[in-house]
């Protein structure tokens, strides 16, 4: 019986690793001018159409009730889009010490670290 439990545990572990690799594997090689590593297995995802728009100064992503401008430093410089028909963004998780606006940019918007997306009219 202990061998059966061990086999079940190994199979479960392998399934979890494959799921994580399939979900974030496309983002693991991403880097931007802002960071050498865009993804830590939880921050990157594909955006649906209403989560981003083309603003007067370029792309903007919708995060927690506000649109955040994508700056030149956010565009990926290494890696590629897993689906070029959609925009993708990497956002830092909540971090202590990121409260308040800095240079007119909210703490929420400072969480954006990487972006790639098609032109959107």
N, C-alpha and C. Protein backbone atom coordinates (compact mmCIF):
# COMPACT_ATOMS: atom_id res chain seq x y z
N UNK A 1 0.80 -1.21 0.00
CA UNK A 1 0.00 0.00 0.00
C UNK A 1 0.85 1.27 0.00
N UNK A 2 1.98 1.35 0.74
CA UNK A 2 2.80 2.56 0.71
C UNK A 2 3.32 2.88 -0.70
N UNK A 3 3.60 1.86 -1.49
CA UNK A 3 4.08 2.10 -2.86
C UNK A 3 2.99 2.75 -3.69
N UNK A 4 1.75 2.33 -3.52
CA UNK A 4 0.64 2.93 -4.25
C UNK A 4 0.51 4.41 -3.92
N UNK A 5 0.60 4.76 -2.64
CA UNK A 5 0.52 6.16 -2.25
C UNK A 5 1.67 6.96 -2.86
N UNK A 6 2.85 6.39 -2.90
CA UNK A 6 4.00 7.05 -3.48
C UNK A 6 3.77 7.30 -4.97
N UNK A 7 3.26 6.32 -5.67
CA UNK A 7 2.98 6.46 -7.11
C UNK A 7 1.92 7.54 -7.34
N UNK A 8 0.89 7.57 -6.52
CA UNK A 8 -0.16 8.60 -6.63
C UNK A 8 0.44 9.98 -6.36
N UNK A 9 1.30 10.08 -5.36
CA UNK A 9 1.93 11.36 -5.03
C UNK A 9 2.80 11.85 -6.19
N UNK A 10 3.60 10.98 -6.78
CA UNK A 10 4.47 11.35 -7.91
C UNK A 10 3.62 11.78 -9.09
N UNK A 11 2.57 11.07 -9.40
CA UNK A 11 1.71 11.43 -10.53
C UNK A 11 1.06 12.79 -10.31
N UNK A 12 0.61 13.06 -9.10
CA UNK A 12 0.00 14.34 -8.78
C UNK A 12 1.02 15.47 -8.92
N UNK A 13 2.22 15.26 -8.41
CA UNK A 13 3.28 16.26 -8.50
C UNK A 13 3.62 16.57 -9.96
N UNK A 14 3.74 15.54 -10.79
CA UNK A 14 4.05 15.74 -12.20
C UNK A 14 2.94 16.51 -12.90
N UNK A 15 1.70 16.21 -12.58
CA UNK A 15 0.57 16.92 -13.20
C UNK A 15 0.60 18.40 -12.81
N UNK A 16 0.90 18.69 -11.57
CA UNK A 16 0.99 20.09 -11.12
C UNK A 16 2.13 20.82 -11.81
N UNK A 17 3.26 20.19 -11.98
CA UNK A 17 4.41 20.81 -12.64
C UNK A 17 4.10 21.08 -14.11
N UNK A 18 3.45 20.15 -14.77
CA UNK A 18 3.09 20.35 -16.18
C UNK A 18 2.08 21.48 -16.34
N UNK A 19 1.14 21.57 -15.41
CA UNK A 19 0.15 22.65 -15.45
C UNK A 19 0.83 23.99 -15.26
N UNK A 20 1.72 24.11 -14.32
CA UNK A 20 2.43 25.37 -14.08
C UNK A 20 3.29 25.73 -15.28
N UNK A 21 3.98 24.78 -15.85
CA UNK A 21 4.84 25.05 -17.00
C UNK A 21 4.00 25.47 -18.20
N UNK A 22 2.85 24.82 -18.38
CA UNK A 22 2.00 25.17 -19.51
C UNK A 22 1.38 26.55 -19.35
N UNK A 23 1.09 26.95 -18.12
CA UNK A 23 0.47 28.24 -17.87
C UNK A 23 1.45 29.38 -18.00
N UNK A 24 2.63 29.24 -17.43
CA UNK A 24 3.58 30.35 -17.41
C UNK A 24 4.84 30.10 -18.22
N UNK A 25 4.96 28.93 -18.83
CA UNK A 25 6.16 28.62 -19.59
C UNK A 25 6.46 29.63 -20.68
N UNK A 26 5.43 30.18 -21.30
CA UNK A 26 5.63 31.16 -22.36
C UNK A 26 6.19 32.48 -21.85
N UNK A 27 6.03 32.76 -20.58
CA UNK A 27 6.46 34.03 -20.01
C UNK A 27 7.82 33.95 -19.31
N UNK A 28 8.35 32.76 -19.10
CA UNK A 28 9.55 32.62 -18.28
C UNK A 28 10.78 33.26 -18.89
N UNK A 29 10.84 33.46 -20.18
CA UNK A 29 12.00 34.08 -20.82
C UNK A 29 11.80 35.57 -21.06
N UNK A 30 10.72 36.12 -20.59
CA UNK A 30 10.44 37.53 -20.82
C UNK A 30 11.33 38.43 -19.97
N UNK A 31 11.74 39.54 -20.57
CA UNK A 31 12.43 40.61 -19.84
C UNK A 31 12.03 41.93 -20.48
N UNK A 32 12.08 42.98 -19.69
CA UNK A 32 11.81 44.33 -20.18
C UNK A 32 12.93 45.24 -19.70
N UNK A 33 12.87 46.50 -20.06
CA UNK A 33 13.85 47.44 -19.54
C UNK A 33 13.70 47.60 -18.03
N UNK A 34 12.52 47.30 -17.53
CA UNK A 34 12.25 47.47 -16.09
C UNK A 34 12.74 46.29 -15.26
N UNK A 35 12.80 45.09 -15.86
CA UNK A 35 13.19 43.89 -15.11
C UNK A 35 13.80 42.84 -16.04
N UNK A 36 14.70 42.04 -15.48
CA UNK A 36 15.29 40.93 -16.24
C UNK A 36 14.43 39.68 -16.21
N UNK A 37 13.42 39.66 -15.33
CA UNK A 37 12.56 38.49 -15.18
C UNK A 37 11.12 38.95 -14.96
N UNK A 38 10.32 38.89 -15.99
CA UNK A 38 8.94 39.37 -15.90
C UNK A 38 8.04 38.43 -15.11
N UNK A 39 8.35 37.16 -15.11
CA UNK A 39 7.41 36.17 -14.56
C UNK A 39 7.99 35.45 -13.36
N UNK A 40 7.19 35.35 -12.31
CA UNK A 40 7.56 34.49 -11.18
C UNK A 40 6.46 33.45 -10.96
N UNK A 41 5.91 32.97 -12.08
CA UNK A 41 4.89 31.91 -12.08
C UNK A 41 3.52 32.36 -11.60
N UNK A 42 3.28 33.67 -11.46
CA UNK A 42 1.94 34.08 -11.05
C UNK A 42 1.53 35.43 -11.58
N UNK A 43 2.43 36.19 -12.16
CA UNK A 43 2.14 37.58 -12.46
C UNK A 43 1.72 37.87 -13.89
N UNK A 44 1.95 36.98 -14.83
CA UNK A 44 1.70 37.25 -16.25
C UNK A 44 0.42 36.56 -16.71
N UNK A 45 -0.30 37.26 -17.58
CA UNK A 45 -1.52 36.66 -18.12
C UNK A 45 -1.96 37.39 -19.39
N UNK A 46 -2.80 36.71 -20.14
CA UNK A 46 -3.40 37.28 -21.34
C UNK A 46 -4.52 38.23 -20.92
N UNK A 47 -4.63 39.33 -21.64
CA UNK A 47 -5.69 40.30 -21.36
C UNK A 47 -6.86 40.10 -22.31
N UNK A 48 -8.07 40.21 -21.80
CA UNK A 48 -9.24 40.22 -22.67
C UNK A 48 -9.41 41.65 -23.16
N UNK A 49 -10.20 41.83 -24.21
CA UNK A 49 -10.29 43.13 -24.88
C UNK A 49 -10.63 44.29 -23.96
N UNK A 50 -11.50 44.09 -22.98
CA UNK A 50 -11.88 45.24 -22.13
C UNK A 50 -10.88 45.49 -20.99
N UNK A 51 -9.79 44.75 -20.94
CA UNK A 51 -8.77 44.98 -19.92
C UNK A 51 -7.63 45.87 -20.42
N UNK A 52 -7.70 46.28 -21.67
CA UNK A 52 -6.68 47.19 -22.19
C UNK A 52 -7.26 48.00 -23.33
N UNK A 53 -6.62 49.12 -23.59
CA UNK A 53 -7.07 50.01 -24.66
C UNK A 53 -5.88 50.80 -25.18
N UNK A 54 -6.08 51.42 -26.31
CA UNK A 54 -5.09 52.32 -26.89
C UNK A 54 -5.44 53.72 -26.43
N UNK A 55 -4.64 54.30 -25.56
CA UNK A 55 -4.87 55.64 -25.03
C UNK A 55 -4.15 56.69 -25.86
N UNK A 56 -4.25 57.95 -25.47
CA UNK A 56 -3.61 59.03 -26.23
C UNK A 56 -2.08 58.92 -26.26
N UNK A 57 -1.49 58.26 -25.25
CA UNK A 57 -0.03 58.11 -25.19
C UNK A 57 0.42 56.67 -25.41
N UNK A 58 -0.47 55.82 -25.91
CA UNK A 58 -0.13 54.42 -26.15
C UNK A 58 -1.03 53.49 -25.37
N UNK A 59 -0.65 52.21 -25.29
CA UNK A 59 -1.50 51.23 -24.61
C UNK A 59 -1.68 51.54 -23.13
N UNK A 60 -2.84 51.15 -22.62
CA UNK A 60 -3.16 51.27 -21.20
C UNK A 60 -3.82 49.97 -20.77
N UNK A 61 -3.47 49.48 -19.59
CA UNK A 61 -4.09 48.28 -19.05
C UNK A 61 -4.96 48.65 -17.85
N UNK A 62 -6.06 47.93 -17.71
CA UNK A 62 -7.00 48.20 -16.61
C UNK A 62 -6.64 47.32 -15.42
N UNK A 63 -6.24 47.97 -14.32
CA UNK A 63 -5.88 47.26 -13.09
C UNK A 63 -6.62 47.86 -11.91
N UNK A 64 -7.39 47.07 -11.25
CA UNK A 64 -8.06 47.49 -10.01
C UNK A 64 -8.73 48.86 -10.11
N UNK A 65 -9.54 49.01 -11.14
CA UNK A 65 -10.36 50.21 -11.23
C UNK A 65 -9.73 51.41 -11.91
N UNK A 66 -8.54 51.27 -12.47
CA UNK A 66 -7.93 52.40 -13.18
C UNK A 66 -7.12 51.90 -14.38
N UNK A 67 -7.03 52.76 -15.38
CA UNK A 67 -6.18 52.46 -16.53
C UNK A 67 -4.77 52.94 -16.25
N UNK A 68 -3.80 52.08 -16.51
CA UNK A 68 -2.39 52.39 -16.29
C UNK A 68 -1.68 52.46 -17.64
N UNK A 69 -0.97 53.56 -17.86
CA UNK A 69 -0.26 53.75 -19.12
C UNK A 69 0.94 52.81 -19.20
N UNK A 70 1.08 52.17 -20.35
CA UNK A 70 2.24 51.33 -20.62
C UNK A 70 3.35 52.24 -21.12
N UNK A 71 4.48 52.21 -20.44
CA UNK A 71 5.63 53.03 -20.82
C UNK A 71 6.60 52.20 -21.67
N UNK A 72 7.54 52.87 -22.29
CA UNK A 72 8.53 52.17 -23.12
C UNK A 72 9.27 51.10 -22.31
N UNK A 73 9.53 51.36 -21.03
CA UNK A 73 10.25 50.41 -20.19
C UNK A 73 9.48 49.12 -19.93
N UNK A 74 8.18 49.10 -20.18
CA UNK A 74 7.36 47.92 -19.93
C UNK A 74 7.35 46.93 -21.10
N UNK A 75 7.61 47.38 -22.31
CA UNK A 75 7.56 46.48 -23.47
C UNK A 75 8.66 45.43 -23.36
N UNK A 76 8.32 44.19 -23.72
CA UNK A 76 9.31 43.13 -23.58
C UNK A 76 10.45 43.35 -24.58
N UNK A 77 11.66 43.02 -24.15
CA UNK A 77 12.84 43.12 -25.00
C UNK A 77 13.40 41.73 -25.31
N UNK A 78 13.03 40.74 -24.52
CA UNK A 78 13.33 39.34 -24.83
C UNK A 78 12.07 38.53 -24.59
N UNK A 79 11.96 37.42 -25.30
CA UNK A 79 10.78 36.58 -25.21
C UNK A 79 9.82 36.91 -26.34
N UNK A 80 8.73 36.17 -26.39
CA UNK A 80 7.73 36.42 -27.43
C UNK A 80 6.35 36.15 -26.87
N UNK A 81 5.38 36.69 -27.56
CA UNK A 81 4.00 36.54 -27.13
C UNK A 81 3.52 35.11 -27.36
N UNK A 82 2.85 34.52 -26.38
CA UNK A 82 2.29 33.18 -26.60
C UNK A 82 1.10 33.20 -27.55
N UNK A 83 0.50 34.37 -27.74
CA UNK A 83 -0.63 34.51 -28.66
C UNK A 83 -0.64 35.96 -29.13
N UNK A 84 -0.11 36.21 -30.31
CA UNK A 84 0.07 37.58 -30.80
C UNK A 84 -1.24 38.31 -31.10
N UNK A 85 -2.36 37.61 -31.07
CA UNK A 85 -3.64 38.26 -31.30
C UNK A 85 -4.17 38.97 -30.06
N UNK A 86 -3.56 38.72 -28.91
CA UNK A 86 -4.01 39.30 -27.65
C UNK A 86 -2.84 39.98 -26.93
N UNK A 87 -3.17 40.95 -26.11
CA UNK A 87 -2.17 41.60 -25.26
C UNK A 87 -1.91 40.73 -24.04
N UNK A 88 -0.70 40.87 -23.50
CA UNK A 88 -0.30 40.14 -22.30
C UNK A 88 0.40 41.13 -21.38
N UNK A 89 0.23 40.94 -20.08
CA UNK A 89 0.85 41.84 -19.11
C UNK A 89 1.41 41.03 -17.94
N UNK A 90 2.49 41.54 -17.36
CA UNK A 90 3.03 40.99 -16.12
C UNK A 90 2.97 42.09 -15.08
N UNK A 91 2.41 41.75 -13.94
CA UNK A 91 2.17 42.72 -12.87
C UNK A 91 2.72 42.15 -11.56
N UNK A 92 3.47 42.95 -10.83
CA UNK A 92 3.95 42.52 -9.52
C UNK A 92 2.77 42.28 -8.60
N UNK A 93 2.91 41.30 -7.71
CA UNK A 93 1.86 41.14 -6.69
C UNK A 93 1.91 42.35 -5.75
N UNK A 94 0.95 42.46 -4.88
CA UNK A 94 0.96 43.55 -3.90
C UNK A 94 2.28 43.53 -3.14
N UNK A 95 2.88 44.68 -2.99
CA UNK A 95 4.13 44.77 -2.27
C UNK A 95 4.04 45.87 -1.23
N UNK A 96 4.57 45.61 -0.07
CA UNK A 96 4.64 46.64 0.96
C UNK A 96 5.56 47.74 0.47
N UNK A 97 5.30 48.94 0.87
CA UNK A 97 6.16 50.05 0.50
C UNK A 97 5.81 50.68 -0.84
N UNK A 98 4.75 50.23 -1.49
CA UNK A 98 4.37 50.79 -2.78
C UNK A 98 3.11 51.64 -2.65
N UNK A 99 2.94 52.33 -1.56
CA UNK A 99 1.74 53.13 -1.39
C UNK A 99 1.97 54.54 -1.89
N UNK A 100 0.92 55.17 -2.32
CA UNK A 100 0.99 56.55 -2.77
C UNK A 100 1.52 56.70 -4.19
N UNK A 101 1.22 57.86 -4.75
CA UNK A 101 1.65 58.17 -6.11
C UNK A 101 3.09 58.65 -6.11
N UNK A 102 3.82 58.31 -7.17
CA UNK A 102 5.18 58.78 -7.39
C UNK A 102 5.24 59.33 -8.81
N UNK A 103 5.62 60.59 -8.94
CA UNK A 103 5.67 61.25 -10.25
C UNK A 103 4.36 61.11 -11.02
N UNK A 104 3.26 61.22 -10.30
CA UNK A 104 1.95 61.16 -10.91
C UNK A 104 1.46 59.76 -11.24
N UNK A 105 2.20 58.74 -10.87
CA UNK A 105 1.82 57.35 -11.16
C UNK A 105 1.42 56.67 -9.86
N UNK A 106 0.23 56.06 -9.87
CA UNK A 106 -0.27 55.42 -8.65
C UNK A 106 0.56 54.19 -8.30
N UNK A 107 0.47 53.78 -7.04
CA UNK A 107 1.15 52.56 -6.59
C UNK A 107 0.64 51.37 -7.39
N UNK A 108 -0.64 51.35 -7.70
CA UNK A 108 -1.22 50.27 -8.48
C UNK A 108 -0.55 50.18 -9.85
N UNK A 109 -0.39 51.30 -10.53
CA UNK A 109 0.20 51.31 -11.87
C UNK A 109 1.69 51.01 -11.85
N UNK A 110 2.37 51.31 -10.77
CA UNK A 110 3.80 50.99 -10.67
C UNK A 110 4.04 49.49 -10.59
N UNK A 111 3.00 48.70 -10.37
CA UNK A 111 3.12 47.24 -10.32
C UNK A 111 3.35 46.63 -11.70
N UNK A 112 3.01 47.33 -12.78
CA UNK A 112 3.20 46.80 -14.14
C UNK A 112 4.69 46.69 -14.43
N UNK A 113 5.14 45.51 -14.89
CA UNK A 113 6.55 45.34 -15.20
C UNK A 113 6.82 44.96 -16.65
N UNK A 114 5.87 44.28 -17.32
CA UNK A 114 6.09 43.86 -18.71
C UNK A 114 4.77 43.86 -19.47
N UNK A 115 4.88 44.13 -20.79
CA UNK A 115 3.69 44.17 -21.64
C UNK A 115 4.08 43.83 -23.08
N UNK A 116 3.18 43.17 -23.77
CA UNK A 116 3.27 42.99 -25.22
C UNK A 116 1.84 42.91 -25.74
N UNK A 117 1.61 43.48 -26.90
CA UNK A 117 0.27 43.43 -27.46
C UNK A 117 0.22 43.94 -28.89
N UNK A 118 -0.82 43.56 -29.61
CA UNK A 118 -0.99 44.05 -30.97
C UNK A 118 -1.49 45.49 -30.95
N UNK A 119 -1.39 46.17 -32.07
CA UNK A 119 -1.95 47.52 -32.16
C UNK A 119 -3.46 47.41 -32.01
N UNK A 120 -4.03 48.32 -31.27
CA UNK A 120 -5.48 48.31 -31.05
C UNK A 120 -6.01 49.68 -31.37
N UNK A 121 -6.99 49.74 -32.27
CA UNK A 121 -7.54 51.05 -32.63
C UNK A 121 -8.72 51.40 -31.78
